[in-house]
Protein backbone atom coordinates (compact mmCIF):
# COMPACT_ATOMS: atom_id res chain seq x y z
CA MET A 1 103.11 40.85 116.18
CA HIS A 2 99.53 40.37 114.99
CA ASP A 3 96.87 38.67 117.10
CA VAL A 4 96.17 35.10 116.03
CA CYS A 5 92.64 33.93 115.25
CA THR A 6 92.47 30.19 114.63
CA GLU A 7 88.75 30.01 113.79
CA VAL A 8 87.44 32.22 111.00
CA ARG A 9 84.03 33.92 111.21
CA PRO A 10 82.10 35.55 108.36
CA ILE A 11 82.86 39.28 108.09
CA LEU A 12 79.61 40.26 106.34
CA LYS A 13 75.99 39.93 107.37
CA TRP A 14 74.02 38.88 104.32
CA ALA A 15 70.35 38.26 103.63
CA GLY A 16 69.86 34.52 103.98
CA GLY A 17 73.26 34.01 105.59
CA LYS A 18 73.63 30.40 106.73
CA ARG A 19 75.52 30.65 110.00
CA GLN A 20 72.49 29.72 112.13
CA LEU A 21 71.64 26.78 109.83
CA LEU A 22 75.14 25.25 109.96
CA PRO A 23 74.22 22.46 112.45
CA GLU A 24 71.69 21.14 109.90
CA LEU A 25 73.93 21.66 106.88
CA ARG A 26 76.84 19.80 108.51
CA ASN A 27 74.75 16.64 108.48
CA PHE A 28 75.08 16.62 104.68
CA TYR A 29 78.74 17.51 104.16
CA PRO A 30 80.14 14.56 102.18
CA ALA A 31 82.76 12.46 103.94
CA ALA A 32 85.07 12.80 100.91
CA PHE A 33 85.09 15.01 97.83
CA THR A 34 87.50 16.32 95.22
CA ARG A 35 86.79 20.04 94.64
CA TYR A 36 84.47 22.49 96.41
CA PHE A 37 82.22 24.96 94.58
CA GLU A 38 80.16 27.73 96.19
CA PRO A 39 78.53 29.90 93.47
CA PHE A 40 76.27 32.00 95.76
CA LEU A 41 79.01 33.11 98.14
CA GLY A 42 77.23 35.85 100.14
CA SER A 43 78.52 35.80 103.72
CA GLY A 44 80.58 32.68 102.93
CA ALA A 45 79.38 30.92 106.10
CA VAL A 46 79.61 27.41 104.62
CA PHE A 47 83.04 28.01 103.05
CA VAL A 48 84.25 29.30 106.43
CA ASP A 49 82.71 26.33 108.26
CA LEU A 50 84.35 23.82 105.92
CA HIS A 51 87.66 25.67 106.27
CA ASN A 52 87.47 25.66 110.08
CA ALA A 53 86.75 21.91 110.05
CA GLY A 54 89.83 21.28 107.89
CA LEU A 55 87.68 19.79 105.12
CA LEU A 56 89.15 22.04 102.40
CA GLU A 57 92.77 21.23 103.14
CA GLY A 58 94.58 20.26 99.92
CA ARG A 59 91.46 20.76 97.80
CA GLU A 60 90.66 23.17 94.99
CA VAL A 61 88.03 25.70 96.06
CA ARG A 62 86.01 27.81 93.63
CA LEU A 63 84.06 30.69 95.15
CA SER A 64 81.85 32.97 93.04
CA ASP A 65 78.90 35.32 93.09
CA VAL A 66 77.13 37.62 90.62
CA ASN A 67 77.59 40.48 93.10
CA ALA A 68 80.88 42.25 92.35
CA ASP A 69 80.80 43.97 95.75
CA ILE A 70 81.09 40.61 97.52
CA ILE A 71 83.98 39.32 95.42
CA GLY A 72 85.68 42.72 95.38
CA CYS A 73 85.49 42.92 99.16
CA TYR A 74 86.89 39.42 99.69
CA ARG A 75 89.70 40.04 97.21
CA ALA A 76 90.66 43.14 99.21
CA VAL A 77 90.67 41.04 102.39
CA ARG A 78 92.94 38.56 100.63
CA ASP A 79 95.30 40.95 98.83
CA ASP A 80 95.29 44.23 100.82
CA THR A 81 94.65 43.13 104.40
CA ASP A 82 96.82 45.79 106.07
CA GLU A 83 95.30 48.71 104.14
CA LEU A 84 91.78 47.37 104.74
CA ILE A 85 92.37 47.08 108.49
CA SER A 86 93.85 50.58 108.66
CA ALA A 87 90.81 52.04 106.88
CA LEU A 88 88.40 50.13 109.15
CA ARG A 89 90.17 51.40 112.26
CA THR A 90 89.61 54.96 111.03
CA HIS A 91 85.90 54.28 110.42
CA GLU A 92 85.61 52.67 113.83
CA TRP A 93 87.14 55.70 115.58
CA ARG A 94 84.99 58.18 113.64
CA TYR A 95 81.83 56.15 114.25
CA ARG A 96 82.55 56.07 117.99
CA SER A 97 82.91 59.87 117.86
CA HIS A 98 80.12 60.84 115.46
CA GLY A 99 77.72 57.88 115.26
CA ALA A 100 75.09 57.95 112.51
CA ALA A 101 76.50 61.19 111.08
CA HIS A 102 79.62 59.30 110.00
CA PHE A 103 77.49 56.47 108.58
CA TYR A 104 75.61 58.84 106.26
CA ASP A 105 78.77 60.73 105.36
CA VAL A 106 80.42 57.49 104.25
CA ARG A 107 77.32 56.16 102.50
CA ASP A 108 76.39 59.28 100.51
CA ARG A 109 79.63 61.21 100.06
CA LEU A 110 82.16 58.40 99.70
CA PHE A 111 80.82 54.88 99.15
CA ASN A 112 78.08 55.47 96.57
CA PRO A 113 80.08 57.83 94.29
CA GLU A 114 83.16 55.56 94.35
CA ARG A 115 81.03 52.45 93.91
CA ARG A 116 79.37 53.96 90.81
CA ASN A 117 82.79 54.54 89.26
CA VAL A 118 83.95 51.02 90.11
CA HIS A 119 80.87 49.40 88.57
CA ARG A 120 81.45 51.36 85.35
CA ALA A 121 84.93 49.83 85.02
CA SER A 122 85.55 46.98 82.58
CA ASP A 123 86.50 44.79 85.56
CA PRO A 124 84.74 46.06 88.72
CA VAL A 125 86.49 43.52 90.94
CA GLU A 126 89.96 44.65 89.86
CA ALA A 127 88.87 48.26 90.44
CA TYR A 128 87.49 47.47 93.92
CA THR A 129 89.91 49.15 96.33
CA ALA A 130 90.69 48.27 99.93
CA GLN A 131 89.20 51.64 100.90
CA LEU A 132 85.91 50.76 99.18
CA ALA A 133 85.89 47.29 100.76
CA ALA A 134 86.41 48.87 104.19
CA MET A 135 83.44 51.17 103.57
CA LEU A 136 81.30 48.18 102.59
CA ILE A 137 82.22 46.29 105.78
CA PHE A 138 81.66 49.43 107.88
CA LEU A 139 78.22 50.12 106.37
CA ASN A 140 77.27 46.45 106.69
CA ARG A 141 78.27 46.42 110.36
CA THR A 142 76.53 49.67 111.29
CA GLY A 143 73.55 49.75 108.90
CA PHE A 144 69.99 48.69 109.66
CA ASN A 145 69.92 44.91 110.26
CA GLY A 146 73.06 44.42 108.19
CA LEU A 147 71.15 44.70 104.91
CA PHE A 148 72.74 45.17 101.51
CA ARG A 149 70.16 46.88 99.31
CA VAL A 150 70.46 49.18 96.31
CA ASN A 151 67.85 51.43 94.70
CA SER A 152 66.92 51.70 91.01
CA ARG A 153 70.00 53.87 90.38
CA GLY A 154 72.24 51.27 91.95
CA ASP A 155 72.98 53.32 95.08
CA PHE A 156 73.24 51.66 98.49
CA ASN A 157 70.30 53.08 100.44
CA VAL A 158 70.14 51.20 103.75
CA PRO A 159 69.69 53.57 106.72
CA ALA A 160 71.87 53.61 109.83
CA GLY A 161 71.11 51.00 112.45
CA ARG A 162 70.76 51.40 116.19
CA HIS A 163 73.99 49.89 117.44
CA GLN A 164 75.65 50.56 120.79
CA ARG A 165 79.20 49.35 120.13
CA PRO A 166 79.25 47.24 116.95
CA THR A 167 82.38 45.30 116.04
CA ILE A 168 83.74 47.20 113.05
CA CYS A 169 87.41 46.25 112.84
CA ASP A 170 87.99 42.66 113.98
CA GLU A 171 91.65 42.52 113.01
CA PRO A 172 92.43 38.90 114.05
CA ASN A 173 89.42 37.59 112.12
CA LEU A 174 90.19 39.68 109.03
CA ARG A 175 93.74 38.35 109.00
CA ALA A 176 92.53 34.77 109.48
CA LEU A 177 90.06 35.12 106.60
CA GLY A 178 92.71 36.69 104.39
CA LYS A 179 95.00 33.72 105.10
CA ALA A 180 92.19 31.26 104.29
CA LEU A 181 91.49 33.00 100.97
CA ARG A 182 95.21 33.03 100.08
CA ARG A 183 95.49 29.27 100.49
CA PRO A 184 96.68 27.57 97.28
CA GLY A 185 93.76 26.35 95.19
CA VAL A 186 91.23 28.98 96.33
CA THR A 187 89.89 31.15 93.49
CA MET A 188 87.17 33.82 93.37
CA ARG A 189 85.31 35.32 90.43
CA VAL A 190 82.15 37.18 89.46
CA CYS A 191 79.81 35.01 87.37
CA GLY A 192 76.43 33.33 87.37
CA PHE A 193 75.93 29.92 88.95
CA ASP A 194 75.51 28.18 85.60
CA ARG A 195 78.93 29.36 84.37
CA ALA A 196 80.56 28.64 87.71
CA LEU A 197 79.42 25.01 87.60
CA GLU A 198 80.12 24.20 83.95
CA ASP A 199 82.92 21.74 84.73
CA ALA A 200 81.82 20.49 88.16
CA GLY A 201 82.03 16.71 87.94
CA ARG A 202 81.92 13.40 89.72
CA ASP A 203 82.78 13.55 93.43
CA ASP A 204 83.02 17.35 93.51
CA PHE A 205 80.97 19.05 96.26
CA VAL A 206 78.66 21.96 95.39
CA TYR A 207 76.81 24.04 97.97
CA LEU A 208 74.07 26.29 96.55
CA ASP A 209 72.44 29.08 98.54
CA PRO A 210 70.41 31.11 96.02
CA PRO A 211 68.23 34.10 96.87
CA TYR A 212 65.20 32.42 98.38
CA ALA A 213 61.86 32.19 96.63
CA PRO A 214 59.35 34.38 98.55
CA LEU A 215 57.06 32.48 100.91
CA ASN A 216 54.19 34.83 100.10
CA GLY A 217 53.33 37.99 98.19
CA THR A 218 54.87 40.31 100.77
CA SER A 219 58.19 38.60 101.51
CA ARG A 220 60.98 39.53 99.12
CA PHE A 221 64.42 38.07 99.77
CA THR A 222 65.27 38.90 96.15
CA SER A 223 65.13 42.64 96.83
CA TYR A 224 68.59 42.38 98.39
CA THR A 225 70.18 41.64 95.00
CA ALA A 226 70.44 44.22 92.25
CA ALA A 227 69.51 41.88 89.40
CA GLY A 228 66.96 39.82 91.31
CA PHE A 229 66.40 36.08 91.12
CA ASP A 230 63.04 35.33 89.57
CA ALA A 231 61.01 32.18 88.85
CA ASP A 232 62.88 31.51 85.61
CA GLN A 233 66.20 31.60 87.47
CA GLN A 234 64.83 29.18 90.06
CA LYS A 235 63.82 26.80 87.22
CA LEU A 236 67.28 27.10 85.61
CA LEU A 237 68.84 26.33 88.98
CA GLN A 238 66.64 23.24 89.36
CA ARG A 239 67.74 21.95 85.94
CA THR A 240 71.36 22.63 86.87
CA VAL A 241 71.01 20.74 90.16
CA ILE A 242 69.47 17.73 88.38
CA ASP A 243 72.28 17.78 85.81
CA LEU A 244 74.92 17.95 88.56
CA ALA A 245 73.39 14.99 90.37
CA ARG A 246 73.35 12.96 87.16
CA ARG A 247 77.06 13.75 86.69
CA GLY A 248 77.81 12.29 90.12
CA THR A 249 78.47 15.66 91.78
CA ARG A 250 77.67 15.84 95.50
CA VAL A 251 75.02 18.58 95.74
CA LEU A 252 73.58 20.45 98.72
CA LEU A 253 71.01 23.19 98.08
CA SER A 254 69.09 25.31 100.59
CA ASN A 255 65.93 27.24 99.75
CA SER A 256 62.66 28.40 101.24
CA ALA A 257 59.71 26.06 101.68
CA ALA A 258 57.69 28.17 99.24
CA PRO A 259 55.06 26.44 97.06
CA GLN A 260 57.20 27.16 93.99
CA ILE A 261 60.21 25.37 95.51
CA ARG A 262 58.06 22.46 96.71
CA ALA A 263 56.87 21.97 93.11
CA LEU A 264 60.40 22.22 91.73
CA TYR A 265 62.01 19.77 94.14
CA LYS A 266 59.84 17.96 96.69
CA THR A 267 57.24 16.59 94.28
CA HIS A 268 59.21 16.68 91.01
CA ARG A 269 59.74 13.25 89.44
CA GLY A 270 62.98 14.21 87.66
CA VAL A 271 64.53 15.36 90.93
CA LYS A 272 63.81 12.02 92.60
CA MET A 273 65.08 10.07 89.59
CA ALA A 274 68.38 11.97 89.84
CA GLY A 275 68.76 10.69 93.41
CA LEU A 276 67.97 14.00 95.13
CA ARG A 277 65.99 14.13 98.38
CA THR A 278 64.28 17.06 100.10
CA THR A 279 64.51 17.52 103.87
CA THR A 280 62.51 20.13 105.80
CA VAL A 281 64.39 21.97 108.56
CA ALA A 282 63.55 24.78 110.97
CA ALA A 283 65.43 28.03 110.50
CA ARG A 284 65.29 31.58 111.77
CA ARG A 285 65.36 34.68 109.60
CA ALA A 286 68.18 36.81 110.97
CA ILE A 287 67.56 39.73 108.58
CA ASN A 288 64.13 41.22 108.07
CA SER A 289 62.79 44.76 108.22
CA ARG A 290 60.10 43.64 110.70
CA ALA A 291 61.15 42.09 114.02
CA ALA A 292 58.04 39.90 114.04
CA ALA A 293 59.15 38.27 110.77
CA ARG A 294 62.44 37.03 112.24
CA GLY A 295 60.93 33.99 113.94
CA PRO A 296 61.23 30.29 113.08
CA ILE A 297 60.32 29.25 109.53
CA ARG A 298 60.61 26.09 107.46
CA GLU A 299 63.32 25.69 104.84
CA TYR A 300 64.26 22.95 102.42
CA LEU A 301 67.60 21.19 102.04
CA ILE A 302 67.85 19.37 98.71
CA THR A 303 70.74 16.92 98.41
CA ASN A 304 72.04 13.60 97.07
CA VAL A 305 74.42 13.23 100.04
CA ASP A 306 73.49 10.67 102.69
CA ARG A 307 72.81 12.15 106.11
CA ARG A 308 75.70 11.55 108.48
CA ALA A 309 75.10 9.06 111.27
CA VAL A 310 74.93 10.74 114.69
């Protein structure tokens, strides 16, 4: 008999993951909505939070990301839970025995070669095996600060972290997440945010967590994505958010308080005319190469949902 885990937790650490910002985000979950869209899935912290609160019960849920590793991993959790858990147990045992040596063996001899082959396939997500997903979770759990970063050749190049006894195979949580993803109405696909939101309409709820605009010339959240997310993408996202609001879609967007984002949302006339408001909140960077840069920072929440009464 498998252990039961009633509350799901994210299985991946991801740059900009929203777990620590959830108390602020919950203030802007709409009281009622039809469908839920999350086109920058990442760690899936908001999807998991909505699921745990029972707010997705009986609703269609559309999860997507441009990163095939994310969707491939979650599909393996959904469809091949037993094989994934078995592979993670093996990695956990070998890591306990060999430490960083096993990390580099997996990264360089197994994960990167297999990942290259998968990304050459016509459908990388379909080709993403449970073994590869287990390697991704293992590397994410034992790598430096839980980063996902690839070099110019597309190879994962994060070094080993300094972990005493990291949680590698959390079987109850993996099974709980797999069950949540198998719920009727939940779909996952690899695509850009604009495609994912083409038919989002009145009373649907969309949460958007794009790669953050850099606060200054040295901070680069976008380096954690292979394709990057530049100023033009930020402008396209702004136009999409305005269009969604005009359609009557309930929108919640998080982003950095960078000057570029301030100009796009906080002082933009078209954003205000669409009924969108910008709220400044305090957040903490959980992932950064420098410990000193993981302190409190300001972020923006842009939404047309009324703040819940306390």
